[in-house]
Amino acid sequence: MVQLAAAERLAKVKTALGMNGNDYQDETLSVYIDEVVEFMMDAGVQREVAESTAAVGCIAIGVNDLWNYSSGGVRFSEYFKSRVVQLSYKRVTENV
């Protein structure tokens, strides 16, 4: 399982959200990414999984959900929650 540094994760999430070439919102996106990763770990996803390439799509969906919230109406999408459950069953294994 390929682990990503915070800068790599930010770059991949930005690509997934179509926000390449602009670093204006990097600080906000980084806060949202950290929040989503913490949510995932609190839901039972191992840190190594939550910080790997396997979770980038899920993180991007979670960030998008937070990014597009309305006042008092922050909600994670059903897809995000389903993917978190799937990732919580994924276990880190030795590379063979």
C-alpha atoms as a PDB file:
ATOM      1  CA  MET A   1       0.000   0.000   0.000  1.00  0.00           C
ATOM      2  CA  VAL A   2       1.574   3.261  -1.120  1.00  0.00           C
ATOM      3  CA  GLN A   3       1.707   5.885   1.624  1.00  0.00           C
ATOM      4  CA  LEU A   4       1.356   9.545   0.693  1.00  0.00           C
ATOM      5  CA  ALA A   5       2.930  12.572   2.316  1.00  0.00           C
ATOM      6  CA  ALA A   6       0.558  15.443   3.076  1.00  0.00           C
ATOM      7  CA  ALA A   7       1.715  17.425   0.010  1.00  0.00           C
ATOM      8  CA  GLU A   8       1.187  14.417  -2.279  1.00  0.00           C
ATOM      9  CA  ARG A   9      -2.276  13.802  -0.824  1.00  0.00           C
ATOM     10  CA  LEU A  10      -3.179  17.471  -1.332  1.00  0.00           C
ATOM     11  CA  ALA A  11      -2.028  17.337  -4.960  1.00  0.00           C
ATOM     12  CA  LYS A  12      -4.032  14.178  -5.679  1.00  0.00           C
ATOM     13  CA  VAL A  13      -7.179  15.550  -4.008  1.00  0.00           C
ATOM     14  CA  LYS A  14      -6.847  18.785  -5.984  1.00  0.00           C
ATOM     15  CA  THR A  15      -6.557  16.755  -9.201  1.00  0.00           C
ATOM     16  CA  ALA A  16      -9.642  14.725  -8.284  1.00  0.00           C
ATOM     17  CA  LEU A  17     -11.583  17.926  -7.620  1.00  0.00           C
ATOM     18  CA  GLY A  18     -10.333  19.678 -10.775  1.00  0.00           C
ATOM     19  CA  MET A  19      -8.482  22.350  -8.803  1.00  0.00           C
ATOM     20  CA  ASN A  20      -5.005  21.980 -10.344  1.00  0.00           C
ATOM     21  CA  GLY A  21      -2.781  24.966 -10.995  1.00  0.00           C
ATOM     22  CA  ASN A  22      -4.145  27.048  -8.156  1.00  0.00           C
ATOM     23  CA  ASP A  23      -2.633  27.146  -4.686  1.00  0.00           C
ATOM     24  CA  TYR A  24      -4.963  29.860  -3.406  1.00  0.00           C
ATOM     25  CA  GLN A  25      -7.123  27.403  -1.414  1.00  0.00           C
ATOM     26  CA  ASP A  26      -4.385  24.966  -0.342  1.00  0.00           C
ATOM     27  CA  GLU A  27      -4.596  25.923   3.336  1.00  0.00           C
ATOM     28  CA  THR A  28      -8.367  25.405   3.457  1.00  0.00           C
ATOM     29  CA  LEU A  29      -8.154  22.171   1.473  1.00  0.00           C
ATOM     30  CA  SER A  30      -5.443  20.877   3.817  1.00  0.00           C
ATOM     31  CA  VAL A  31      -7.672  21.536   6.836  1.00  0.00           C
ATOM     32  CA  TYR A  32     -10.551  19.682   5.160  1.00  0.00           C
ATOM     33  CA  ILE A  33      -8.277  16.787   4.167  1.00  0.00           C
ATOM     34  CA  ASP A  34      -7.062  16.465   7.759  1.00  0.00           C
ATOM     35  CA  GLU A  35     -10.653  16.547   9.007  1.00  0.00           C
ATOM     36  CA  VAL A  36     -11.728  13.827   6.572  1.00  0.00           C
ATOM     37  CA  VAL A  37      -8.737  11.609   7.416  1.00  0.00           C
ATOM     38  CA  GLU A  38      -9.480  12.004  11.148  1.00  0.00           C
ATOM     39  CA  PHE A  39     -13.149  11.154  10.517  1.00  0.00           C
ATOM     40  CA  MET A  40     -12.081   8.021   8.650  1.00  0.00           C
ATOM     41  CA  MET A  41      -9.736   6.903  11.431  1.00  0.00           C
ATOM     42  CA  ASP A  42     -12.406   7.560  14.067  1.00  0.00           C
ATOM     43  CA  ALA A  43     -14.691   5.324  11.994  1.00  0.00           C
ATOM     44  CA  GLY A  44     -12.160   2.470  12.152  1.00  0.00           C
ATOM     45  CA  VAL A  45      -9.957   2.983   9.102  1.00  0.00           C
ATOM     46  CA  GLN A  46      -6.330   2.230   9.935  1.00  0.00           C
ATOM     47  CA  ARG A  47      -4.015   5.254   9.637  1.00  0.00           C
ATOM     48  CA  GLU A  48      -1.892   3.451   7.038  1.00  0.00           C
ATOM     49  CA  VAL A  49      -4.988   2.938   4.884  1.00  0.00           C
ATOM     50  CA  ALA A  50      -6.378   6.441   5.428  1.00  0.00           C
ATOM     51  CA  GLU A  51      -3.050   7.976   4.376  1.00  0.00           C
ATOM     52  CA  SER A  52      -2.546   5.744   1.336  1.00  0.00           C
ATOM     53  CA  THR A  53      -3.435   5.950  -2.339  1.00  0.00           C
ATOM     54  CA  ALA A  54      -6.353   3.582  -1.625  1.00  0.00           C
ATOM     55  CA  ALA A  55      -8.171   6.372   0.230  1.00  0.00           C
ATOM     56  CA  VAL A  56      -7.549   9.347  -2.095  1.00  0.00           C
ATOM     57  CA  GLY A  57     -10.892   9.075  -3.895  1.00  0.00           C
ATOM     58  CA  CYS A  58     -12.766   8.790  -0.619  1.00  0.00           C
ATOM     59  CA  ILE A  59     -10.877  11.758   0.821  1.00  0.00           C
ATOM     60  CA  ALA A  60     -11.678  13.823  -2.285  1.00  0.00           C
ATOM     61  CA  ILE A  61     -15.401  13.021  -1.952  1.00  0.00           C
ATOM     62  CA  GLY A  62     -15.327  13.912   1.755  1.00  0.00           C
ATOM     63  CA  VAL A  63     -13.524  17.191   1.052  1.00  0.00           C
ATOM     64  CA  ASN A  64     -16.052  17.982  -1.671  1.00  0.00           C
ATOM     65  CA  ASP A  65     -18.888  17.294   0.778  1.00  0.00           C
ATOM     66  CA  LEU A  66     -17.348  19.714   3.303  1.00  0.00           C
ATOM     67  CA  TRP A  67     -16.488  22.285   0.624  1.00  0.00           C
ATOM     68  CA  ASN A  68     -20.070  22.448  -0.622  1.00  0.00           C
ATOM     69  CA  TYR A  69     -21.826  22.681   2.716  1.00  0.00           C
ATOM     70  CA  SER A  70     -24.603  25.133   3.400  1.00  0.00           C
ATOM     71  CA  SER A  71     -25.006  26.990   6.663  1.00  0.00           C
ATOM     72  CA  GLY A  72     -25.796  24.440   9.354  1.00  0.00           C
ATOM     73  CA  GLY A  73     -26.118  21.661   6.784  1.00  0.00           C
ATOM     74  CA  VAL A  74     -22.791  19.859   6.615  1.00  0.00           C
ATOM     75  CA  ARG A  75     -23.440  16.243   5.620  1.00  0.00           C
ATOM     76  CA  PHE A  76     -21.242  13.578   4.216  1.00  0.00           C
ATOM     77  CA  SER A  77     -22.653  11.880   1.138  1.00  0.00           C
ATOM     78  CA  GLU A  78     -23.863   8.302   1.187  1.00  0.00           C
ATOM     79  CA  TYR A  79     -21.045   7.308  -1.160  1.00  0.00           C
ATOM     80  CA  PHE A  80     -18.440   8.763   1.197  1.00  0.00           C
ATOM     81  CA  LYS A  81     -19.887   6.936   4.197  1.00  0.00           C
ATOM     82  CA  SER A  82     -20.104   3.646   2.260  1.00  0.00           C
ATOM     83  CA  ARG A  83     -16.521   3.957   1.082  1.00  0.00           C
ATOM     84  CA  VAL A  84     -15.326   4.667   4.639  1.00  0.00           C
ATOM     85  CA  VAL A  85     -16.992   1.436   5.764  1.00  0.00           C
ATOM     86  CA  GLN A  86     -15.252  -0.455   2.944  1.00  0.00           C
ATOM     87  CA  LEU A  87     -11.890   1.060   3.834  1.00  0.00           C
ATOM     88  CA  SER A  88     -12.391   0.186   7.506  1.00  0.00           C
ATOM     89  CA  TYR A  89     -12.257  -3.502   6.496  1.00  0.00           C
ATOM     90  CA  LYS A  90      -9.057  -3.063   4.480  1.00  0.00           C
ATOM     91  CA  ARG A  91      -6.008  -4.270   6.356  1.00  0.00           C
ATOM     92  CA  VAL A  92      -2.395  -3.302   5.882  1.00  0.00           C
ATOM     93  CA  THR A  93      -0.381  -6.282   4.708  1.00  0.00           C
ATOM     94  CA  GLU A  94       3.266  -6.834   4.033  1.00  0.00           C
ATOM     95  CA  ASN A  95       4.346  -6.256   0.446  1.00  0.00           C
ATOM     96  CA  VAL A  96       4.984  -9.612  -1.191  1.00  0.00           C
END
